[in-house]
C-alpha atoms as a PDB file:
ATOM      1  CA  MET A   1       0.000   0.000   0.000  1.00  0.00           C
ATOM      2  CA  GLU A   2       1.456   3.357  -1.053  1.00  0.00           C
ATOM      3  CA  LYS A   3       2.258   5.738   1.792  1.00  0.00           C
ATOM      4  CA  ARG A   4       0.020   8.770   2.110  1.00  0.00           C
ATOM      5  CA  PHE A   5       2.440  10.627   4.385  1.00  0.00           C
ATOM      6  CA  LEU A   6       6.204  10.636   3.958  1.00  0.00           C
ATOM      7  CA  GLY A   7       8.718  12.954   5.576  1.00  0.00           C
ATOM      8  CA  VAL A   8       8.335  15.835   8.003  1.00  0.00           C
ATOM      9  CA  LEU A   9       5.735  18.503   8.697  1.00  0.00           C
ATOM     10  CA  PRO A  10       6.127  21.326  11.224  1.00  0.00           C
ATOM     11  CA  PRO A  11       3.301  22.196  13.620  1.00  0.00           C
ATOM     12  CA  MET A  12       3.751  25.804  12.573  1.00  0.00           C
ATOM     13  CA  ILE A  13       4.531  28.356  15.248  1.00  0.00           C
ATOM     14  CA  THR A  14       2.343  31.457  15.409  1.00  0.00           C
ATOM     15  CA  PRO A  15       4.295  34.722  15.643  1.00  0.00           C
ATOM     16  CA  PHE A  16       2.774  37.532  17.714  1.00  0.00           C
ATOM     17  CA  THR A  17       3.398  41.278  17.774  1.00  0.00           C
ATOM     18  CA  ASP A  18       4.489  43.233  20.845  1.00  0.00           C
ATOM     19  CA  THR A  19       0.819  43.962  21.516  1.00  0.00           C
ATOM     20  CA  GLY A  20      -0.173  40.292  21.406  1.00  0.00           C
ATOM     21  CA  GLU A  21      -1.807  40.251  17.978  1.00  0.00           C
ATOM     22  CA  VAL A  22      -1.063  37.527  15.435  1.00  0.00           C
ATOM     23  CA  ASP A  23       1.745  38.695  13.157  1.00  0.00           C
ATOM     24  CA  TYR A  24       0.443  37.373   9.856  1.00  0.00           C
ATOM     25  CA  GLU A  25       3.259  38.979   7.875  1.00  0.00           C
ATOM     26  CA  ALA A  26       5.879  37.125   9.929  1.00  0.00           C
ATOM     27  CA  PHE A  27       3.857  33.920   9.574  1.00  0.00           C
ATOM     28  CA  CYS A  28       3.941  34.287   5.782  1.00  0.00           C
ATOM     29  CA  THR A  29       7.678  35.017   5.878  1.00  0.00           C
ATOM     30  CA  ASN A  30       8.181  31.724   7.717  1.00  0.00           C
ATOM     31  CA  LEU A  31       6.033  29.906   5.161  1.00  0.00           C
ATOM     32  CA  GLU A  32       8.101  31.291   2.303  1.00  0.00           C
ATOM     33  CA  HIS A  33      11.244  30.079   4.068  1.00  0.00           C
ATOM     34  CA  TRP A  34       9.775  26.642   4.839  1.00  0.00           C
ATOM     35  CA  ASN A  35       8.721  26.326   1.202  1.00  0.00           C
ATOM     36  CA  GLU A  36      12.442  26.259   0.386  1.00  0.00           C
ATOM     37  CA  ASP A  37      13.113  23.604   3.037  1.00  0.00           C
ATOM     38  CA  ALA A  38      12.766  19.839   2.693  1.00  0.00           C
ATOM     39  CA  LEU A  39       9.283  19.497   4.151  1.00  0.00           C
ATOM     40  CA  SER A  40       6.296  17.473   2.961  1.00  0.00           C
ATOM     41  CA  GLY A  41       3.565  19.699   4.335  1.00  0.00           C
ATOM     42  CA  TYR A  42       2.269  21.867   7.135  1.00  0.00           C
ATOM     43  CA  LEU A  43       0.155  21.520  10.248  1.00  0.00           C
ATOM     44  CA  VAL A  44      -1.819  24.680  10.935  1.00  0.00           C
ATOM     45  CA  ASN A  45      -3.152  25.249  14.459  1.00  0.00           C
ATOM     46  CA  GLY A  46      -1.324  22.486  16.291  1.00  0.00           C
ATOM     47  CA  SER A  47      -0.190  22.503  19.911  1.00  0.00           C
ATOM     48  CA  ASN A  48       3.000  24.374  19.070  1.00  0.00           C
ATOM     49  CA  SER A  49       0.926  26.971  17.208  1.00  0.00           C
ATOM     50  CA  GLU A  50      -0.473  28.040  20.625  1.00  0.00           C
ATOM     51  CA  THR A  51      -3.848  27.113  19.182  1.00  0.00           C
ATOM     52  CA  ALA A  52      -5.403  27.000  22.652  1.00  0.00           C
ATOM     53  CA  TYR A  53      -4.902  30.788  22.750  1.00  0.00           C
ATOM     54  CA  LEU A  54      -6.200  31.537  19.238  1.00  0.00           C
ATOM     55  CA  ASN A  55      -9.748  32.525  18.462  1.00  0.00           C
ATOM     56  CA  GLU A  56     -11.622  30.990  15.553  1.00  0.00           C
ATOM     57  CA  GLN A  57     -11.035  33.862  13.149  1.00  0.00           C
ATOM     58  CA  GLU A  58      -7.295  33.810  13.856  1.00  0.00           C
ATOM     59  CA  LYS A  59      -7.183  30.059  13.234  1.00  0.00           C
ATOM     60  CA  LEU A  60      -9.045  30.428   9.958  1.00  0.00           C
ATOM     61  CA  GLN A  61      -6.858  33.269   8.732  1.00  0.00           C
ATOM     62  CA  LEU A  62      -3.721  31.227   9.447  1.00  0.00           C
ATOM     63  CA  LEU A  63      -5.239  28.357   7.476  1.00  0.00           C
ATOM     64  CA  ARG A  64      -6.182  30.617   4.559  1.00  0.00           C
ATOM     65  CA  LEU A  65      -2.650  32.011   4.381  1.00  0.00           C
ATOM     66  CA  THR A  66      -1.164  28.517   4.473  1.00  0.00           C
ATOM     67  CA  VAL A  67      -3.424  27.344   1.656  1.00  0.00           C
ATOM     68  CA  LYS A  68      -2.510  30.434  -0.364  1.00  0.00           C
ATOM     69  CA  LYS A  69       1.249  30.410   0.283  1.00  0.00           C
ATOM     70  CA  ALA A  70       2.175  26.721   0.606  1.00  0.00           C
ATOM     71  CA  GLN A  71       4.286  25.147  -2.086  1.00  0.00           C
ATOM     72  CA  ALA A  72       2.151  23.091  -4.462  1.00  0.00           C
ATOM     73  CA  GLY A  73       1.892  19.424  -3.617  1.00  0.00           C
ATOM     74  CA  ARG A  74       2.453  19.771   0.119  1.00  0.00           C
ATOM     75  CA  HIS A  75      -0.041  18.359   2.608  1.00  0.00           C
ATOM     76  CA  ILE A  76      -2.092  20.907   4.534  1.00  0.00           C
ATOM     77  CA  ILE A  77      -3.432  19.580   7.812  1.00  0.00           C
ATOM     78  CA  ALA A  78      -5.585  21.708  10.110  1.00  0.00           C
ATOM     79  CA  GLY A  79      -5.937  21.167  13.832  1.00  0.00           C
ATOM     80  CA  THR A  80      -9.697  21.197  14.363  1.00  0.00           C
ATOM     81  CA  GLY A  81     -10.305  19.391  17.645  1.00  0.00           C
ATOM     82  CA  LEU A  82     -12.691  21.016  20.143  1.00  0.00           C
ATOM     83  CA  GLU A  83     -14.285  19.582  23.230  1.00  0.00           C
ATOM     84  CA  SER A  84     -17.763  18.773  21.910  1.00  0.00           C
ATOM     85  CA  LEU A  85     -18.587  16.581  18.952  1.00  0.00           C
ATOM     86  CA  SER A  86     -20.907  19.152  17.387  1.00  0.00           C
ATOM     87  CA  GLU A  87     -18.357  21.973  17.544  1.00  0.00           C
ATOM     88  CA  THR A  88     -15.608  19.726  16.198  1.00  0.00           C
ATOM     89  CA  ILE A  89     -17.775  18.708  13.240  1.00  0.00           C
ATOM     90  CA  ARG A  90     -18.721  22.331  12.562  1.00  0.00           C
ATOM     91  CA  PHE A  91     -15.160  23.653  12.714  1.00  0.00           C
ATOM     92  CA  THR A  92     -13.689  20.720  10.800  1.00  0.00           C
ATOM     93  CA  ASN A  93     -16.026  21.315   7.891  1.00  0.00           C
ATOM     94  CA  ILE A  94     -15.328  25.049   7.907  1.00  0.00           C
ATOM     95  CA  CYS A  95     -11.615  24.221   7.634  1.00  0.00           C
ATOM     96  CA  ALA A  96     -12.384  21.784   4.826  1.00  0.00           C
ATOM     97  CA  ALA A  97     -14.138  24.571   2.938  1.00  0.00           C
ATOM     98  CA  GLU A  98     -11.083  26.803   3.471  1.00  0.00           C
ATOM     99  CA  GLY A  99      -8.786  24.249   1.827  1.00  0.00           C
ATOM    100  CA  ALA A 100      -7.497  21.903   4.534  1.00  0.00           C
ATOM    101  CA  ALA A 101      -6.873  18.428   3.133  1.00  0.00           C
ATOM    102  CA  TYR A 102      -6.917  16.633   6.493  1.00  0.00           C
ATOM    103  CA  ALA A 103      -8.106  17.393  10.014  1.00  0.00           C
ATOM    104  CA  LEU A 104      -5.929  16.566  13.017  1.00  0.00           C
ATOM    105  CA  VAL A 105      -8.326  16.117  15.917  1.00  0.00           C
ATOM    106  CA  LEU A 106      -7.259  16.193  19.537  1.00  0.00           C
ATOM    107  CA  THR A 107      -8.781  13.656  21.888  1.00  0.00           C
ATOM    108  CA  PRO A 108     -11.445  15.469  23.960  1.00  0.00           C
ATOM    109  CA  CYS A 109      -9.938  15.961  27.380  1.00  0.00           C
ATOM    110  CA  TYR A 110     -11.763  18.314  29.756  1.00  0.00           C
ATOM    111  CA  TYR A 111     -13.545  15.363  31.384  1.00  0.00           C
ATOM    112  CA  HIS A 112     -10.449  13.257  30.918  1.00  0.00           C
ATOM    113  CA  SER A 113     -11.346  10.579  33.450  1.00  0.00           C
ATOM    114  CA  SER A 114     -14.382   9.724  31.310  1.00  0.00           C
ATOM    115  CA  MET A 115     -12.484   9.560  28.020  1.00  0.00           C
ATOM    116  CA  ASN A 116     -12.158   5.784  27.882  1.00  0.00           C
ATOM    117  CA  SER A 117     -12.008   3.707  24.698  1.00  0.00           C
ATOM    118  CA  ASP A 118     -15.789   3.593  24.314  1.00  0.00           C
ATOM    119  CA  ALA A 119     -16.063   7.379  24.493  1.00  0.00           C
ATOM    120  CA  LEU A 120     -13.195   7.963  22.053  1.00  0.00           C
ATOM    121  CA  ILE A 121     -14.485   5.358  19.575  1.00  0.00           C
ATOM    122  CA  ASP A 122     -17.896   6.993  19.662  1.00  0.00           C
ATOM    123  CA  PHE A 123     -16.515  10.528  19.282  1.00  0.00           C
ATOM    124  CA  PHE A 124     -14.146   9.828  16.388  1.00  0.00           C
ATOM    125  CA  SER A 125     -16.535   7.494  14.566  1.00  0.00           C
ATOM    126  CA  ARG A 126     -19.356  10.029  14.617  1.00  0.00           C
ATOM    127  CA  LEU A 127     -16.975  12.810  13.611  1.00  0.00           C
ATOM    128  CA  ALA A 128     -15.658  10.776  10.690  1.00  0.00           C
ATOM    129  CA  GLU A 129     -19.196  10.170   9.433  1.00  0.00           C
ATOM    130  CA  LYS A 130     -19.852  13.919   9.242  1.00  0.00           C
ATOM    131  CA  SER A 131     -16.429  15.249   8.269  1.00  0.00           C
ATOM    132  CA  GLU A 132     -15.888  16.354   4.697  1.00  0.00           C
ATOM    133  CA  ILE A 133     -12.151  15.619   4.920  1.00  0.00           C
ATOM    134  CA  PRO A 134     -10.210  12.629   6.316  1.00  0.00           C
ATOM    135  CA  ILE A 135      -9.553  12.547  10.050  1.00  0.00           C
ATOM    136  CA  LEU A 136      -6.234  12.057  11.842  1.00  0.00           C
ATOM    137  CA  ILE A 137      -6.378  11.261  15.556  1.00  0.00           C
ATOM    138  CA  TYR A 138      -4.098  13.374  17.749  1.00  0.00           C
ATOM    139  CA  ASN A 139      -2.771  11.606  20.834  1.00  0.00           C
ATOM    140  CA  VAL A 140      -0.844  13.913  23.189  1.00  0.00           C
ATOM    141  CA  PRO A 141      -1.312  12.882  26.843  1.00  0.00           C
ATOM    142  CA  LYS A 142       1.266  15.480  27.935  1.00  0.00           C
ATOM    143  CA  PHE A 143      -1.419  18.120  27.413  1.00  0.00           C
ATOM    144  CA  THR A 144      -4.685  16.179  27.535  1.00  0.00           C
ATOM    145  CA  HIS A 145      -4.050  13.518  30.216  1.00  0.00           C
ATOM    146  CA  VAL A 146      -5.832  11.168  27.796  1.00  0.00           C
ATOM    147  CA  ASN A 147      -3.839   8.350  26.206  1.00  0.00           C
ATOM    148  CA  ILE A 148      -5.788   6.495  23.538  1.00  0.00           C
ATOM    149  CA  LYS A 149      -5.433   2.728  23.749  1.00  0.00           C
ATOM    150  CA  ALA A 150      -4.662   0.183  21.056  1.00  0.00           C
ATOM    151  CA  ASP A 151      -8.143  -1.365  21.345  1.00  0.00           C
ATOM    152  CA  ALA A 152      -9.682   1.963  20.293  1.00  0.00           C
ATOM    153  CA  VAL A 153      -7.156   2.384  17.481  1.00  0.00           C
ATOM    154  CA  LYS A 154      -8.015  -1.091  16.186  1.00  0.00           C
ATOM    155  CA  VAL A 155     -11.679  -0.117  15.811  1.00  0.00           C
ATOM    156  CA  LEU A 156     -11.107   3.402  14.492  1.00  0.00           C
ATOM    157  CA  ALA A 157      -8.512   2.319  11.914  1.00  0.00           C
ATOM    158  CA  GLN A 158     -11.265   0.371  10.152  1.00  0.00           C
ATOM    159  CA  HIS A 159     -13.246   3.538   9.385  1.00  0.00           C
ATOM    160  CA  SER A 160     -12.706   4.696   5.809  1.00  0.00           C
ATOM    161  CA  ASN A 161     -12.565   8.376   6.817  1.00  0.00           C
ATOM    162  CA  ILE A 162     -10.088   7.929   9.691  1.00  0.00           C
ATOM    163  CA  VAL A 163      -6.753   7.631   7.914  1.00  0.00           C
ATOM    164  CA  GLY A 164      -4.125   7.902  10.621  1.00  0.00           C
ATOM    165  CA  MET A 165      -2.863   9.243  13.894  1.00  0.00           C
ATOM    166  CA  LYS A 166      -0.202  11.555  15.247  1.00  0.00           C
ATOM    167  CA  ASP A 167       1.176  10.024  18.441  1.00  0.00           C
ATOM    168  CA  SER A 168       3.203  12.430  20.553  1.00  0.00           C
ATOM    169  CA  THR A 169       3.888  10.244  23.565  1.00  0.00           C
ATOM    170  CA  GLY A 170       7.396   9.202  22.544  1.00  0.00           C
ATOM    171  CA  ASP A 171       6.464   5.722  23.792  1.00  0.00           C
ATOM    172  CA  VAL A 172       8.009   3.364  21.253  1.00  0.00           C
ATOM    173  CA  PRO A 173       6.434   0.131  22.574  1.00  0.00           C
ATOM    174  CA  GLN A 174       3.052   1.860  22.389  1.00  0.00           C
ATOM    175  CA  LEU A 175       3.783   2.888  18.797  1.00  0.00           C
ATOM    176  CA  ALA A 176       4.418  -0.756  18.020  1.00  0.00           C
ATOM    177  CA  SER A 177       1.108  -1.731  19.627  1.00  0.00           C
ATOM    178  CA  PHE A 178      -0.705   0.875  17.513  1.00  0.00           C
ATOM    179  CA  LEU A 179       0.919  -0.485  14.354  1.00  0.00           C
ATOM    180  CA  ALA A 180      -0.194  -3.990  15.253  1.00  0.00           C
ATOM    181  CA  ALA A 181      -3.715  -2.788  16.012  1.00  0.00           C
ATOM    182  CA  ALA A 182      -4.022  -1.020  12.644  1.00  0.00           C
ATOM    183  CA  ALA A 183      -2.349  -3.753  10.587  1.00  0.00           C
ATOM    184  CA  GLY A 184      -4.000  -4.301   7.234  1.00  0.00           C
ATOM    185  CA  GLN A 185      -5.948  -1.041   7.324  1.00  0.00           C
ATOM    186  CA  ASP A 186      -5.474   2.141   5.293  1.00  0.00           C
ATOM    187  CA  PHE A 187      -4.262   3.920   8.417  1.00  0.00           C
ATOM    188  CA  GLU A 188      -0.882   5.566   8.918  1.00  0.00           C
ATOM    189  CA  LEU A 189       0.921   6.479  12.098  1.00  0.00           C
ATOM    190  CA  MET A 190       2.940   9.670  12.338  1.00  0.00           C
ATOM    191  CA  VAL A 191       5.336  10.214  15.201  1.00  0.00           C
ATOM    192  CA  GLY A 192       4.868  13.516  17.005  1.00  0.00           C
ATOM    193  CA  THR A 193       8.250  13.981  18.625  1.00  0.00           C
ATOM    194  CA  VAL A 194      11.840  13.857  17.411  1.00  0.00           C
ATOM    195  CA  SER A 195      12.731  11.850  20.513  1.00  0.00           C
ATOM    196  CA  ALA A 196      11.047   8.808  18.934  1.00  0.00           C
ATOM    197  CA  TRP A 197      11.888   9.620  15.291  1.00  0.00           C
ATOM    198  CA  PHE A 198      14.682   7.133  14.585  1.00  0.00           C
ATOM    199  CA  PRO A 199      13.033   4.270  16.525  1.00  0.00           C
ATOM    200  CA  ALA A 200       9.770   5.000  14.696  1.00  0.00           C
ATOM    201  CA  LEU A 201      11.519   4.721  11.338  1.00  0.00           C
ATOM    202  CA  THR A 202      12.820   1.293  12.304  1.00  0.00           C
ATOM    203  CA  LEU A 203       9.199   0.261  12.942  1.00  0.00           C
ATOM    204  CA  GLY A 204       8.165   1.351   9.462  1.00  0.00           C
ATOM    205  CA  ILE A 205       6.687   4.750  10.312  1.00  0.00           C
ATOM    206  CA  GLU A 206       7.867   7.215   7.680  1.00  0.00           C
ATOM    207  CA  ALA A 207       6.276  10.547   8.625  1.00  0.00           C
ATOM    208  CA  GLY A 208       6.603  12.892  11.560  1.00  0.00           C
ATOM    209  CA  ILE A 209       5.076  16.130  12.794  1.00  0.00           C
ATOM    210  CA  HIS A 210       7.846  17.604  14.898  1.00  0.00           C
ATOM    211  CA  ALA A 211       8.091  20.807  16.932  1.00  0.00           C
ATOM    212  CA  ALA A 212      11.793  20.977  16.056  1.00  0.00           C
ATOM    213  CA  ALA A 213      10.891  21.081  12.358  1.00  0.00           C
ATOM    214  CA  ASN A 214       9.971  24.734  12.889  1.00  0.00           C
ATOM    215  CA  CYS A 215      13.621  25.608  13.474  1.00  0.00           C
ATOM    216  CA  ALA A 216      15.560  22.622  12.049  1.00  0.00           C
ATOM    217  CA  PRO A 217      13.344  21.259   9.268  1.00  0.00           C
ATOM    218  CA  ASN A 218      16.078  19.966   6.989  1.00  0.00           C
ATOM    219  CA  ALA A 219      17.840  18.078   9.760  1.00  0.00           C
ATOM    220  CA  CYS A 220      14.570  16.450  10.848  1.00  0.00           C
ATOM    221  CA  THR A 221      13.939  15.398   7.261  1.00  0.00           C
ATOM    222  CA  ALA A 222      17.540  14.238   6.800  1.00  0.00           C
ATOM    223  CA  VAL A 223      16.984  11.493   9.394  1.00  0.00           C
ATOM    224  CA  GLN A 224      14.142  10.012   7.339  1.00  0.00           C
ATOM    225  CA  GLN A 225      15.882  10.516   3.999  1.00  0.00           C
ATOM    226  CA  ALA A 226      19.081   8.810   5.154  1.00  0.00           C
ATOM    227  CA  PHE A 227      17.108   5.947   6.663  1.00  0.00           C
ATOM    228  CA  SER A 228      15.155   5.466   3.421  1.00  0.00           C
ATOM    229  CA  ARG A 229      18.512   5.166   1.579  1.00  0.00           C
ATOM    230  CA  ARG A 230      19.493   2.512   4.147  1.00  0.00           C
ATOM    231  CA  ASP A 231      22.214   4.802   5.446  1.00  0.00           C
ATOM    232  CA  ASN A 232      21.323   4.031   9.030  1.00  0.00           C
ATOM    233  CA  GLU A 233      24.635   5.315  10.330  1.00  0.00           C
ATOM    234  CA  ARG A 234      23.983   8.816   9.003  1.00  0.00           C
ATOM    235  CA  ALA A 235      20.324   8.734  10.063  1.00  0.00           C
ATOM    236  CA  LEU A 236      21.337   7.843  13.601  1.00  0.00           C
ATOM    237  CA  ALA A 237      24.099  10.468  13.683  1.00  0.00           C
ATOM    238  CA  VAL A 238      21.748  13.295  12.665  1.00  0.00           C
ATOM    239  CA  TYR A 239      19.087  12.014  15.060  1.00  0.00           C
ATOM    240  CA  GLN A 240      21.527  12.020  17.976  1.00  0.00           C
ATOM    241  CA  ILE A 241      22.557  15.608  17.220  1.00  0.00           C
ATOM    242  CA  LEU A 242      18.906  16.658  17.145  1.00  0.00           C
ATOM    243  CA  LEU A 243      17.976  15.042  20.456  1.00  0.00           C
ATOM    244  CA  PRO A 244      19.350  17.744  22.821  1.00  0.00           C
ATOM    245  CA  LEU A 245      17.857  20.490  20.650  1.00  0.00           C
ATOM    246  CA  ASN A 246      14.497  18.727  20.602  1.00  0.00           C
ATOM    247  CA  THR A 247      14.505  18.310  24.379  1.00  0.00           C
ATOM    248  CA  ALA A 248      15.340  21.999  24.782  1.00  0.00           C
ATOM    249  CA  VAL A 249      12.500  23.251  22.551  1.00  0.00           C
ATOM    250  CA  THR A 250       9.908  20.902  24.014  1.00  0.00           C
ATOM    251  CA  ALA A 251      10.381  19.617  27.555  1.00  0.00           C
ATOM    252  CA  THR A 252      12.903  22.136  28.914  1.00  0.00           C
ATOM    253  CA  TYR A 253      11.961  25.546  27.531  1.00  0.00           C
ATOM    254  CA  GLY A 254       8.638  24.859  25.838  1.00  0.00           C
ATOM    255  CA  ILE A 255       7.109  26.989  23.116  1.00  0.00           C
ATOM    256  CA  ALA A 256       9.010  30.104  24.186  1.00  0.00           C
ATOM    257  CA  GLY A 257      12.205  28.108  23.678  1.00  0.00           C
ATOM    258  CA  LEU A 258      11.030  26.770  20.342  1.00  0.00           C
ATOM    259  CA  LYS A 259      10.329  30.288  19.132  1.00  0.00           C
ATOM    260  CA  TYR A 260      13.682  31.579  20.344  1.00  0.00           C
ATOM    261  CA  ALA A 261      15.486  28.704  18.602  1.00  0.00           C
ATOM    262  CA  ALA A 262      13.569  29.600  15.446  1.00  0.00           C
ATOM    263  CA  ASP A 263      14.821  33.184  15.772  1.00  0.00           C
ATOM    264  CA  LEU A 264      18.396  31.937  16.152  1.00  0.00           C
ATOM    265  CA  LEU A 265      18.139  29.658  13.124  1.00  0.00           C
ATOM    266  CA  GLY A 266      16.772  32.197  10.661  1.00  0.00           C
ATOM    267  CA  TYR A 267      13.005  31.951  11.083  1.00  0.00           C
ATOM    268  CA  TYR A 268      10.626  34.294  12.850  1.00  0.00           C
ATOM    269  CA  GLY A 269       9.660  32.996  16.275  1.00  0.00           C
ATOM    270  CA  GLY A 270       8.945  36.098  18.273  1.00  0.00           C
ATOM    271  CA  LEU A 271       6.866  36.335  21.401  1.00  0.00           C
ATOM    272  CA  VAL A 272       4.514  33.853  23.029  1.00  0.00           C
ATOM    273  CA  ARG A 273       0.948  34.809  23.926  1.00  0.00           C
ATOM    274  CA  CYS A 274       0.051  35.360  27.560  1.00  0.00           C
ATOM    275  CA  PRO A 275      -0.247  33.447  29.884  1.00  0.00           C
ATOM    276  CA  LEU A 276       2.857  31.768  28.404  1.00  0.00           C
ATOM    277  CA  GLN A 277       5.950  33.673  29.484  1.00  0.00           C
ATOM    278  CA  PRO A 278       9.053  34.678  27.525  1.00  0.00           C
ATOM    279  CA  LEU A 279      12.439  33.180  28.308  1.00  0.00           C
ATOM    280  CA  LYS A 280      14.643  34.852  30.866  1.00  0.00           C
ATOM    281  CA  GLU A 281      18.084  35.965  29.741  1.00  0.00           C
ATOM    282  CA  LYS A 282      19.813  33.056  31.480  1.00  0.00           C
ATOM    283  CA  GLN A 283      17.521  30.611  29.648  1.00  0.00           C
ATOM    284  CA  LYS A 284      18.291  32.328  26.339  1.00  0.00           C
ATOM    285  CA  GLN A 285      22.013  31.917  26.967  1.00  0.00           C
ATOM    286  CA  GLU A 286      21.569  28.241  27.777  1.00  0.00           C
ATOM    287  CA  LEU A 287      19.464  27.669  24.680  1.00  0.00           C
ATOM    288  CA  ARG A 288      21.908  29.541  22.446  1.00  0.00           C
ATOM    289  CA  GLN A 289      24.644  27.143  23.534  1.00  0.00           C
ATOM    290  CA  ILE A 290      22.448  24.135  22.687  1.00  0.00           C
ATOM    291  CA  VAL A 291      21.508  25.598  19.299  1.00  0.00           C
ATOM    292  CA  ASP A 292      25.138  26.440  18.489  1.00  0.00           C
ATOM    293  CA  LYS A 293      26.282  22.922  19.388  1.00  0.00           C
ATOM    294  CA  ALA A 294      23.553  21.357  17.245  1.00  0.00           C
ATOM    295  CA  ARG A 295      24.358  23.633  14.323  1.00  0.00           C
ATOM    296  CA  GLU A 296      28.065  22.800  14.558  1.00  0.00           C
ATOM    297  CA  GLY A 297      27.322  19.085  14.691  1.00  0.00           C
ATOM    298  CA  LEU A 298      25.051  19.275  11.670  1.00  0.00           C
ATOM    299  CA  TRP A 299      27.563  21.319   9.693  1.00  0.00           C
ATOM    300  CA  ALA A 300      30.225  18.720  10.463  1.00  0.00           C
ATOM    301  CA  LEU A 301      27.956  16.143   8.806  1.00  0.00           C
ATOM    302  CA  GLY A 302      27.282  18.444   5.859  1.00  0.00           C
ATOM    303  CA  CYS A 303      23.676  18.798   6.959  1.00  0.00           C
ATOM    304  CA  LYS A 304      21.683  22.028   6.978  1.00  0.00           C
ATOM    305  CA  ALA A 305      19.505  22.749   9.991  1.00  0.00           C
END
């Protein structure tokens, strides 16, 4: 079965002005830059887009600009998950009308203790019946405290309008259980963190949506490209260089760190939206050292960040 998704997509950061408004001009500048990078598509309104702090009109304008500016042939995925089924259906179909090719839908999470397999199967199945574009499940327990189970994936993978999942747990054994659950179905797993990128490739997963792809897109892609050429030594070397950078822009410094790394590496990161807080000067110094070390390591391998 031919792969639908191959390579790397960034969950695009959302630049803000000093007054806290979305900086659409800077967003477009990033898109123009990413169009020159080795990416296979874009995720609009993902977790690293600070989508929880965007209103609907801001989300839609970011999607419109992505559809307008993206290089031809690249996937455009929109984050459309909301807490209720009805609102998720409504917003998903609005995004479909605006040009999104796929919807990435977060597991509902406010009543997280009630989000068992039965509830998630019901939610995603009913959404898929009403959605005008294919659905991708988004599993990110770090934020939701909901971790979808393989038994739910086994059922949902059989639905013709549920075509895959982004798993951001970094749990490689769980990835393997998801692959086994979806075996034989037209359903593709994408890994949602660089920390699991090389192990995921060894399992047969060939696409990733990575926070670090905002600031080091070519290096993230180089891991997959080298692996596909069976140059595992190079794939592993690039992956190992990326690991400290990935940890810094996710677990250690968060979105503020990701945006600062983007600034350092030639993209426009800018400010985070309140209540997220900017980095302190000491944190910036620490992150600069990590970025410089990663850049030097990549250059030594002849790899562009």
